Amino acid sequence: MMSTTSQSTYRSPRSKIGRLLLTSRIAKVGEILGVFLVGLLLIQLLLPLAGDNIIVQQAIVWVANVVMLLLVWWGIRVRGQHWSDIGLTFRQITLKESFRIFLQSLLVFVMAMAAFVLGSIIMANITGIPESADMSNYSYLQDNLFMLILTLIGVYIVSSFGEEIIYRAFLINRLRELGLATKTGTVLAVVLSAIVFGLIHYEWGPMGVVQTGFMGLVLGVCYLKFNHGLWVVILAHAYMDTILMVQMYLAG
């Protein structure tokens, strides 16, 4: 299994752009905006082509996430950095370390689920209506085991893995590089990343935005508390995605 410990090894920036991304706040802001605007633009341009086909709609969102992930990778590469600089490493670890990561991921999973439920309670008190998130985009999973398995594979790659890199590792670290490396700044960076994470789930409705926002807040805090333990939050996210997809499958 992989290690969660970040071991930074810097090379010289590969280009002038790489040097700018390391030193210029304007370039850093441009990178952040670029990653998210490209993803949003792809979704806005391609979704109308899907019509009412919810499977194609979901595939378009996944493609946008993959493009965003590639942009994050490009930014790391031109800086002369490695994935390990944001907590993603692939070295072999001991069975004891694997067990520790597994236990930590279970703890994060429980905390994130509790935050998800808390978001539901808060929204119910605000609206006075115990509504649920709009999960109609996953209705194709009902009683369809093949699509459940296929969707889980995609979700693990794009959501569990990809979203933790984009919304936790990338966004939190880049925001801290903008001068938010102090204790107060770090709190602000985590909160902002959680807000963005909630907003990108807008298709789930207001309830879903708040639920995922609270979940993202816990994942962001745990990412930092576990020493940029990216694999811990990736696994915790995967557990939540599994439960959600299985629920949609059983809804039929």
C-alpha atoms as a PDB file:
ATOM      1  CA  MET A   1       0.000   0.000   0.000  1.00  0.00           C
ATOM      2  CA  MET A   2       1.035   3.658  -0.335  1.00  0.00           C
ATOM      3  CA  SER A   3       2.512   6.014   2.202  1.00  0.00           C
ATOM      4  CA  THR A   4       0.723   9.123   3.463  1.00  0.00           C
ATOM      5  CA  THR A   5       3.901  10.967   4.422  1.00  0.00           C
ATOM      6  CA  SER A   6       4.912  13.880   2.219  1.00  0.00           C
ATOM      7  CA  GLN A   7       8.584  13.800   1.287  1.00  0.00           C
ATOM      8  CA  SER A   8       9.314  16.911  -0.773  1.00  0.00           C
ATOM      9  CA  THR A   9      12.105  16.681  -3.336  1.00  0.00           C
ATOM     10  CA  TYR A  10      12.485  19.851  -5.388  1.00  0.00           C
ATOM     11  CA  ARG A  11      13.981  20.173  -8.835  1.00  0.00           C
ATOM     12  CA  SER A  12      14.523  23.377 -10.742  1.00  0.00           C
ATOM     13  CA  PRO A  13      11.321  24.758 -12.311  1.00  0.00           C
ATOM     14  CA  ARG A  14      10.936  23.466 -15.848  1.00  0.00           C
ATOM     15  CA  SER A  15      10.052  26.835 -17.361  1.00  0.00           C
ATOM     16  CA  LYS A  16       9.382  30.515 -16.760  1.00  0.00           C
ATOM     17  CA  ILE A  17       5.782  29.552 -15.991  1.00  0.00           C
ATOM     18  CA  GLY A  18       7.033  27.188 -13.296  1.00  0.00           C
ATOM     19  CA  ARG A  19       9.082  29.955 -11.700  1.00  0.00           C
ATOM     20  CA  LEU A  20       6.093  32.294 -11.798  1.00  0.00           C
ATOM     21  CA  LEU A  21       3.875  29.695 -10.133  1.00  0.00           C
ATOM     22  CA  LEU A  22       6.428  29.419  -7.337  1.00  0.00           C
ATOM     23  CA  THR A  23       6.941  33.139  -6.790  1.00  0.00           C
ATOM     24  CA  SER A  24       4.037  35.195  -8.157  1.00  0.00           C
ATOM     25  CA  ARG A  25       0.743  35.511  -6.282  1.00  0.00           C
ATOM     26  CA  ILE A  26      -0.969  36.587  -9.476  1.00  0.00           C
ATOM     27  CA  ALA A  27       0.219  33.420 -11.217  1.00  0.00           C
ATOM     28  CA  LYS A  28      -0.951  31.310  -8.270  1.00  0.00           C
ATOM     29  CA  VAL A  29      -4.398  32.906  -8.356  1.00  0.00           C
ATOM     30  CA  GLY A  30      -4.481  32.400 -12.119  1.00  0.00           C
ATOM     31  CA  GLU A  31      -3.679  28.712 -11.680  1.00  0.00           C
ATOM     32  CA  ILE A  32      -6.481  28.219  -9.155  1.00  0.00           C
ATOM     33  CA  LEU A  33      -9.016  30.067 -11.298  1.00  0.00           C
ATOM     34  CA  GLY A  34      -7.796  28.293 -14.428  1.00  0.00           C
ATOM     35  CA  VAL A  35      -8.279  24.813 -12.991  1.00  0.00           C
ATOM     36  CA  PHE A  36     -11.840  25.485 -11.865  1.00  0.00           C
ATOM     37  CA  LEU A  37     -12.934  27.679 -14.768  1.00  0.00           C
ATOM     38  CA  VAL A  38     -11.785  25.096 -17.308  1.00  0.00           C
ATOM     39  CA  GLY A  39     -13.767  22.394 -15.495  1.00  0.00           C
ATOM     40  CA  LEU A  40     -16.851  24.593 -15.273  1.00  0.00           C
ATOM     41  CA  LEU A  41     -16.562  25.659 -18.906  1.00  0.00           C
ATOM     42  CA  LEU A  42     -16.319  22.068 -20.122  1.00  0.00           C
ATOM     43  CA  ILE A  43     -19.440  21.119 -18.175  1.00  0.00           C
ATOM     44  CA  GLN A  44     -21.397  24.133 -19.432  1.00  0.00           C
ATOM     45  CA  LEU A  45     -20.392  23.512 -23.047  1.00  0.00           C
ATOM     46  CA  LEU A  46     -20.852  19.744 -23.130  1.00  0.00           C
ATOM     47  CA  LEU A  47     -23.885  19.146 -20.910  1.00  0.00           C
ATOM     48  CA  PRO A  48     -26.404  20.473 -23.462  1.00  0.00           C
ATOM     49  CA  LEU A  49     -25.110  17.829 -25.882  1.00  0.00           C
ATOM     50  CA  ALA A  50     -26.149  15.077 -23.438  1.00  0.00           C
ATOM     51  CA  GLY A  51     -29.823  16.010 -23.564  1.00  0.00           C
ATOM     52  CA  ASP A  52     -31.791  13.996 -21.010  1.00  0.00           C
ATOM     53  CA  ASN A  53     -29.312  11.113 -20.938  1.00  0.00           C
ATOM     54  CA  ILE A  54     -28.208  11.100 -17.282  1.00  0.00           C
ATOM     55  CA  ILE A  55     -25.429   8.564 -17.927  1.00  0.00           C
ATOM     56  CA  VAL A  56     -23.834  10.831 -20.525  1.00  0.00           C
ATOM     57  CA  GLN A  57     -24.344  13.814 -18.198  1.00  0.00           C
ATOM     58  CA  GLN A  58     -22.445  12.008 -15.461  1.00  0.00           C
ATOM     59  CA  ALA A  59     -19.704  11.022 -17.892  1.00  0.00           C
ATOM     60  CA  ILE A  60     -19.262  14.679 -18.892  1.00  0.00           C
ATOM     61  CA  VAL A  61     -18.799  15.705 -15.254  1.00  0.00           C
ATOM     62  CA  TRP A  62     -16.194  12.951 -14.868  1.00  0.00           C
ATOM     63  CA  VAL A  63     -14.339  14.131 -17.988  1.00  0.00           C
ATOM     64  CA  ALA A  64     -14.256  17.684 -16.588  1.00  0.00           C
ATOM     65  CA  ASN A  65     -12.824  16.368 -13.306  1.00  0.00           C
ATOM     66  CA  VAL A  66     -10.136  14.392 -15.147  1.00  0.00           C
ATOM     67  CA  VAL A  67      -9.122  17.513 -17.114  1.00  0.00           C
ATOM     68  CA  MET A  68      -8.914  19.468 -13.840  1.00  0.00           C
ATOM     69  CA  LEU A  69      -6.760  16.709 -12.366  1.00  0.00           C
ATOM     70  CA  LEU A  70      -4.429  16.885 -15.372  1.00  0.00           C
ATOM     71  CA  LEU A  71      -4.093  20.646 -14.916  1.00  0.00           C
ATOM     72  CA  VAL A  72      -3.189  20.110 -11.258  1.00  0.00           C
ATOM     73  CA  TRP A  73      -0.556  17.568 -12.330  1.00  0.00           C
ATOM     74  CA  TRP A  74       0.809  20.010 -14.921  1.00  0.00           C
ATOM     75  CA  GLY A  75       1.149  22.739 -12.282  1.00  0.00           C
ATOM     76  CA  ILE A  76       3.066  20.410  -9.990  1.00  0.00           C
ATOM     77  CA  ARG A  77       5.337  19.263 -12.798  1.00  0.00           C
ATOM     78  CA  VAL A  78       6.292  22.705 -14.145  1.00  0.00           C
ATOM     79  CA  ARG A  79       7.131  23.789 -10.595  1.00  0.00           C
ATOM     80  CA  GLY A  80       9.735  21.035 -10.459  1.00  0.00           C
ATOM     81  CA  GLN A  81       7.794  19.314  -7.684  1.00  0.00           C
ATOM     82  CA  HIS A  82       6.357  15.834  -7.139  1.00  0.00           C
ATOM     83  CA  TRP A  83       3.002  14.396  -6.109  1.00  0.00           C
ATOM     84  CA  SER A  84       4.603  13.778  -2.708  1.00  0.00           C
ATOM     85  CA  ASP A  85       4.639  17.551  -2.146  1.00  0.00           C
ATOM     86  CA  ILE A  86       0.862  17.395  -1.677  1.00  0.00           C
ATOM     87  CA  GLY A  87       0.888  14.102   0.236  1.00  0.00           C
ATOM     88  CA  LEU A  88       0.502  11.565  -2.578  1.00  0.00           C
ATOM     89  CA  THR A  89       3.205   8.880  -2.546  1.00  0.00           C
ATOM     90  CA  PHE A  90       3.317   5.321  -3.846  1.00  0.00           C
ATOM     91  CA  ARG A  91       6.165   3.660  -1.956  1.00  0.00           C
ATOM     92  CA  GLN A  92       5.626   0.291  -0.314  1.00  0.00           C
ATOM     93  CA  ILE A  93       4.758   0.413   3.378  1.00  0.00           C
ATOM     94  CA  THR A  94       4.570  -2.163   6.143  1.00  0.00           C
ATOM     95  CA  LEU A  95       1.491  -4.074   7.206  1.00  0.00           C
ATOM     96  CA  LYS A  96       1.484  -2.074  10.445  1.00  0.00           C
ATOM     97  CA  GLU A  97       1.461   1.210   8.537  1.00  0.00           C
ATOM     98  CA  SER A  98      -1.325  -0.081   6.291  1.00  0.00           C
ATOM     99  CA  PHE A  99      -3.416  -1.003   9.309  1.00  0.00           C
ATOM    100  CA  ARG A 100      -2.817   2.429  10.836  1.00  0.00           C
ATOM    101  CA  ILE A 101      -3.916   4.170   7.627  1.00  0.00           C
ATOM    102  CA  PHE A 102      -7.014   1.963   7.481  1.00  0.00           C
ATOM    103  CA  LEU A 103      -7.996   2.805  11.074  1.00  0.00           C
ATOM    104  CA  GLN A 104      -7.399   6.508  10.457  1.00  0.00           C
ATOM    105  CA  SER A 105      -9.542   6.390   7.326  1.00  0.00           C
ATOM    106  CA  LEU A 106     -12.380   4.744   9.296  1.00  0.00           C
ATOM    107  CA  LEU A 107     -12.170   7.520  11.889  1.00  0.00           C
ATOM    108  CA  VAL A 108     -12.273  10.189   9.174  1.00  0.00           C
ATOM    109  CA  PHE A 109     -15.175   8.369   7.507  1.00  0.00           C
ATOM    110  CA  VAL A 110     -17.234   8.420  10.720  1.00  0.00           C
ATOM    111  CA  MET A 111     -16.459  12.090  11.322  1.00  0.00           C
ATOM    112  CA  ALA A 112     -17.282  13.059   7.724  1.00  0.00           C
ATOM    113  CA  MET A 113     -20.559  11.128   7.843  1.00  0.00           C
ATOM    114  CA  ALA A 114     -21.452  12.878  11.097  1.00  0.00           C
ATOM    115  CA  ALA A 115     -20.736  16.236   9.426  1.00  0.00           C
ATOM    116  CA  PHE A 116     -22.891  15.195   6.455  1.00  0.00           C
ATOM    117  CA  VAL A 117     -25.784  14.435   8.818  1.00  0.00           C
ATOM    118  CA  LEU A 118     -25.191  17.697  10.711  1.00  0.00           C
ATOM    119  CA  GLY A 119     -25.561  19.561   7.428  1.00  0.00           C
ATOM    120  CA  SER A 120     -28.917  17.835   6.920  1.00  0.00           C
ATOM    121  CA  ILE A 121     -30.105  18.841  10.389  1.00  0.00           C
ATOM    122  CA  ILE A 122     -29.041  22.464   9.929  1.00  0.00           C
ATOM    123  CA  MET A 123     -30.780  22.727   6.549  1.00  0.00           C
ATOM    124  CA  ALA A 124     -33.934  21.084   7.915  1.00  0.00           C
ATOM    125  CA  ASN A 125     -34.040  23.669  10.713  1.00  0.00           C
ATOM    126  CA  ILE A 126     -33.497  26.540   8.277  1.00  0.00           C
ATOM    127  CA  THR A 127     -36.059  25.457   5.691  1.00  0.00           C
ATOM    128  CA  GLY A 128     -38.431  23.722   8.076  1.00  0.00           C
ATOM    129  CA  ILE A 129     -38.639  20.899   5.563  1.00  0.00           C
ATOM    130  CA  PRO A 130     -36.669  17.653   6.051  1.00  0.00           C
ATOM    131  CA  GLU A 131     -35.802  17.432   2.353  1.00  0.00           C
ATOM    132  CA  SER A 132     -33.053  15.220   0.982  1.00  0.00           C
ATOM    133  CA  ALA A 133     -30.356  15.889  -1.578  1.00  0.00           C
ATOM    134  CA  ASP A 134     -31.419  15.556  -5.215  1.00  0.00           C
ATOM    135  CA  MET A 135     -29.750  12.346  -6.340  1.00  0.00           C
ATOM    136  CA  SER A 136     -31.842  11.866  -9.495  1.00  0.00           C
ATOM    137  CA  ASN A 137     -28.674  11.857 -11.636  1.00  0.00           C
ATOM    138  CA  TYR A 138     -27.923   8.418 -10.215  1.00  0.00           C
ATOM    139  CA  SER A 139     -31.367   6.920 -10.808  1.00  0.00           C
ATOM    140  CA  TYR A 140     -29.906   4.741 -13.584  1.00  0.00           C
ATOM    141  CA  LEU A 141     -28.261   2.621 -10.865  1.00  0.00           C
ATOM    142  CA  GLN A 142     -31.539   1.257  -9.513  1.00  0.00           C
ATOM    143  CA  ASP A 143     -31.554  -2.552  -9.748  1.00  0.00           C
ATOM    144  CA  ASN A 144     -28.698  -2.435 -12.273  1.00  0.00           C
ATOM    145  CA  LEU A 145     -25.730  -4.327 -10.852  1.00  0.00           C
ATOM    146  CA  PHE A 146     -23.550  -3.859 -13.940  1.00  0.00           C
ATOM    147  CA  MET A 147     -23.972  -0.071 -13.870  1.00  0.00           C
ATOM    148  CA  LEU A 148     -23.363  -0.067 -10.113  1.00  0.00           C
ATOM    149  CA  ILE A 149     -19.987  -1.778 -10.545  1.00  0.00           C
ATOM    150  CA  LEU A 150     -19.062   0.399 -13.524  1.00  0.00           C
ATOM    151  CA  THR A 151     -20.077   3.577 -11.689  1.00  0.00           C
ATOM    152  CA  LEU A 152     -18.170   2.601  -8.544  1.00  0.00           C
ATOM    153  CA  ILE A 153     -14.989   2.148 -10.575  1.00  0.00           C
ATOM    154  CA  GLY A 154     -15.447   5.583 -12.123  1.00  0.00           C
ATOM    155  CA  VAL A 155     -16.381   7.189  -8.809  1.00  0.00           C
ATOM    156  CA  TYR A 156     -13.330   5.751  -7.042  1.00  0.00           C
ATOM    157  CA  ILE A 157     -11.049   7.226  -9.704  1.00  0.00           C
ATOM    158  CA  VAL A 158     -12.757  10.553 -10.379  1.00  0.00           C
ATOM    159  CA  SER A 159     -14.488  11.320  -7.087  1.00  0.00           C
ATOM    160  CA  SER A 160     -12.722   9.534  -4.227  1.00  0.00           C
ATOM    161  CA  PHE A 161      -9.238   9.967  -5.696  1.00  0.00           C
ATOM    162  CA  GLY A 162      -9.607  12.959  -8.006  1.00  0.00           C
ATOM    163  CA  GLU A 163     -11.707  15.206  -5.784  1.00  0.00           C
ATOM    164  CA  GLU A 164      -9.424  14.733  -2.790  1.00  0.00           C
ATOM    165  CA  ILE A 165      -6.445  15.799  -4.895  1.00  0.00           C
ATOM    166  CA  ILE A 166      -8.270  18.797  -6.384  1.00  0.00           C
ATOM    167  CA  TYR A 167     -10.307  20.110  -3.439  1.00  0.00           C
ATOM    168  CA  ARG A 168      -8.084  19.116  -0.536  1.00  0.00           C
ATOM    169  CA  ALA A 169      -4.463  18.719  -1.635  1.00  0.00           C
ATOM    170  CA  PHE A 170      -4.384  21.244  -4.485  1.00  0.00           C
ATOM    171  CA  LEU A 171      -6.807  23.927  -3.321  1.00  0.00           C
ATOM    172  CA  ILE A 172      -5.816  24.037   0.353  1.00  0.00           C
ATOM    173  CA  ASN A 173      -2.088  24.092  -0.398  1.00  0.00           C
ATOM    174  CA  ARG A 174      -2.382  26.717  -3.132  1.00  0.00           C
ATOM    175  CA  LEU A 175      -4.524  28.949  -0.911  1.00  0.00           C
ATOM    176  CA  ARG A 176      -1.954  28.655   1.863  1.00  0.00           C
ATOM    177  CA  GLU A 177       0.757  29.672  -0.603  1.00  0.00           C
ATOM    178  CA  LEU A 178      -1.158  32.920  -1.136  1.00  0.00           C
ATOM    179  CA  GLY A 179      -0.279  34.008   2.396  1.00  0.00           C
ATOM    180  CA  LEU A 180      -2.690  31.801   4.315  1.00  0.00           C
ATOM    181  CA  ALA A 181       0.027  29.666   5.928  1.00  0.00           C
ATOM    182  CA  THR A 182      -0.648  31.100   9.412  1.00  0.00           C
ATOM    183  CA  LYS A 183      -2.991  29.294  11.790  1.00  0.00           C
ATOM    184  CA  THR A 184      -5.854  31.663  11.004  1.00  0.00           C
ATOM    185  CA  GLY A 185      -5.020  31.545   7.310  1.00  0.00           C
ATOM    186  CA  THR A 186      -5.013  27.764   7.287  1.00  0.00           C
ATOM    187  CA  VAL A 187      -8.473  27.715   8.858  1.00  0.00           C
ATOM    188  CA  LEU A 188      -9.668  30.112   6.168  1.00  0.00           C
ATOM    189  CA  ALA A 189      -8.106  27.957   3.432  1.00  0.00           C
ATOM    190  CA  VAL A 190      -9.863  24.843   4.730  1.00  0.00           C
ATOM    191  CA  VAL A 191     -13.200  26.661   5.017  1.00  0.00           C
ATOM    192  CA  LEU A 192     -12.896  28.102   1.499  1.00  0.00           C
ATOM    193  CA  SER A 193     -12.056  24.685   0.067  1.00  0.00           C
ATOM    194  CA  ALA A 194     -15.108  23.213   1.824  1.00  0.00           C
ATOM    195  CA  ILE A 195     -17.355  25.959   0.417  1.00  0.00           C
ATOM    196  CA  VAL A 196     -16.077  25.350  -3.117  1.00  0.00           C
ATOM    197  CA  PHE A 197     -16.502  21.586  -2.635  1.00  0.00           C
ATOM    198  CA  GLY A 198     -20.100  22.120  -1.548  1.00  0.00           C
ATOM    199  CA  LEU A 199     -20.881  24.455  -4.442  1.00  0.00           C
ATOM    200  CA  ILE A 200     -19.611  22.045  -7.093  1.00  0.00           C
ATOM    201  CA  HIS A 201     -22.348  19.662  -5.938  1.00  0.00           C
ATOM    202  CA  TYR A 202     -24.996  22.212  -6.921  1.00  0.00           C
ATOM    203  CA  GLU A 203     -26.872  19.594  -8.957  1.00  0.00           C
ATOM    204  CA  TRP A 204     -27.717  17.891  -5.653  1.00  0.00           C
ATOM    205  CA  GLY A 205     -29.762  20.916  -4.624  1.00  0.00           C
ATOM    206  CA  PRO A 206     -29.344  23.219  -1.573  1.00  0.00           C
ATOM    207  CA  MET A 207     -29.399  20.293   0.839  1.00  0.00           C
ATOM    208  CA  GLY A 208     -26.651  18.489  -1.055  1.00  0.00           C
ATOM    209  CA  VAL A 209     -24.494  21.627  -1.215  1.00  0.00           C
ATOM    210  CA  VAL A 210     -24.617  22.069   2.568  1.00  0.00           C
ATOM    211  CA  GLN A 211     -24.134  18.355   3.284  1.00  0.00           C
ATOM    212  CA  THR A 212     -21.077  18.027   1.059  1.00  0.00           C
ATOM    213  CA  GLY A 213     -19.727  21.364   2.296  1.00  0.00           C
ATOM    214  CA  PHE A 214     -19.722  20.115   5.890  1.00  0.00           C
ATOM    215  CA  MET A 215     -18.241  16.811   4.751  1.00  0.00           C
ATOM    216  CA  GLY A 216     -15.501  18.683   2.858  1.00  0.00           C
ATOM    217  CA  LEU A 217     -14.726  20.717   5.974  1.00  0.00           C
ATOM    218  CA  VAL A 218     -13.990  17.567   7.968  1.00  0.00           C
ATOM    219  CA  LEU A 219     -11.955  16.031   5.144  1.00  0.00           C
ATOM    220  CA  GLY A 220      -9.894  19.221   4.846  1.00  0.00           C
ATOM    221  CA  VAL A 221      -9.154  19.356   8.566  1.00  0.00           C
ATOM    222  CA  CYS A 222      -8.216  15.679   8.646  1.00  0.00           C
ATOM    223  CA  TYR A 223      -5.998  16.043   5.571  1.00  0.00           C
ATOM    224  CA  LEU A 224      -3.865  18.537   7.490  1.00  0.00           C
ATOM    225  CA  LYS A 225      -4.135  16.885  10.915  1.00  0.00           C
ATOM    226  CA  PHE A 226      -2.818  13.615   9.528  1.00  0.00           C
ATOM    227  CA  ASN A 227       0.259  15.370   8.086  1.00  0.00           C
ATOM    228  CA  HIS A 228      -1.149  15.839   4.587  1.00  0.00           C
ATOM    229  CA  GLY A 229      -2.454  12.283   4.767  1.00  0.00           C
ATOM    230  CA  LEU A 230      -4.031  12.191   1.333  1.00  0.00           C
ATOM    231  CA  TRP A 231      -4.556   8.418   1.211  1.00  0.00           C
ATOM    232  CA  VAL A 232      -6.437   8.568   4.512  1.00  0.00           C
ATOM    233  CA  VAL A 233      -9.033  11.007   3.162  1.00  0.00           C
ATOM    234  CA  ILE A 234      -9.143   9.263  -0.225  1.00  0.00           C
ATOM    235  CA  LEU A 235     -10.106   5.992   1.481  1.00  0.00           C
ATOM    236  CA  ALA A 236     -12.651   7.737   3.734  1.00  0.00           C
ATOM    237  CA  HIS A 237     -14.186   9.392   0.676  1.00  0.00           C
ATOM    238  CA  ALA A 238     -14.330   6.017  -1.082  1.00  0.00           C
ATOM    239  CA  TYR A 239     -16.285   4.488   1.824  1.00  0.00           C
ATOM    240  CA  MET A 240     -18.852   7.299   1.613  1.00  0.00           C
ATOM    241  CA  ASP A 241     -19.131   6.998  -2.161  1.00  0.00           C
ATOM    242  CA  THR A 242     -19.666   3.248  -1.861  1.00  0.00           C
ATOM    243  CA  ILE A 243     -22.507   3.702   0.623  1.00  0.00           C
ATOM    244  CA  LEU A 244     -24.134   6.367  -1.544  1.00  0.00           C
ATOM    245  CA  MET A 245     -23.943   4.341  -4.764  1.00  0.00           C
ATOM    246  CA  VAL A 246     -25.190   1.154  -3.084  1.00  0.00           C
ATOM    247  CA  GLN A 247     -28.114   3.118  -1.620  1.00  0.00           C
ATOM    248  CA  MET A 248     -29.042   4.328  -5.095  1.00  0.00           C
ATOM    249  CA  TYR A 249     -28.806   0.746  -6.407  1.00  0.00           C
ATOM    250  CA  LEU A 250     -31.083  -0.543  -3.650  1.00  0.00           C
ATOM    251  CA  ALA A 251     -33.564   2.318  -4.102  1.00  0.00           C
ATOM    252  CA  GLY A 252     -35.235   0.367  -6.877  1.00  0.00           C
END
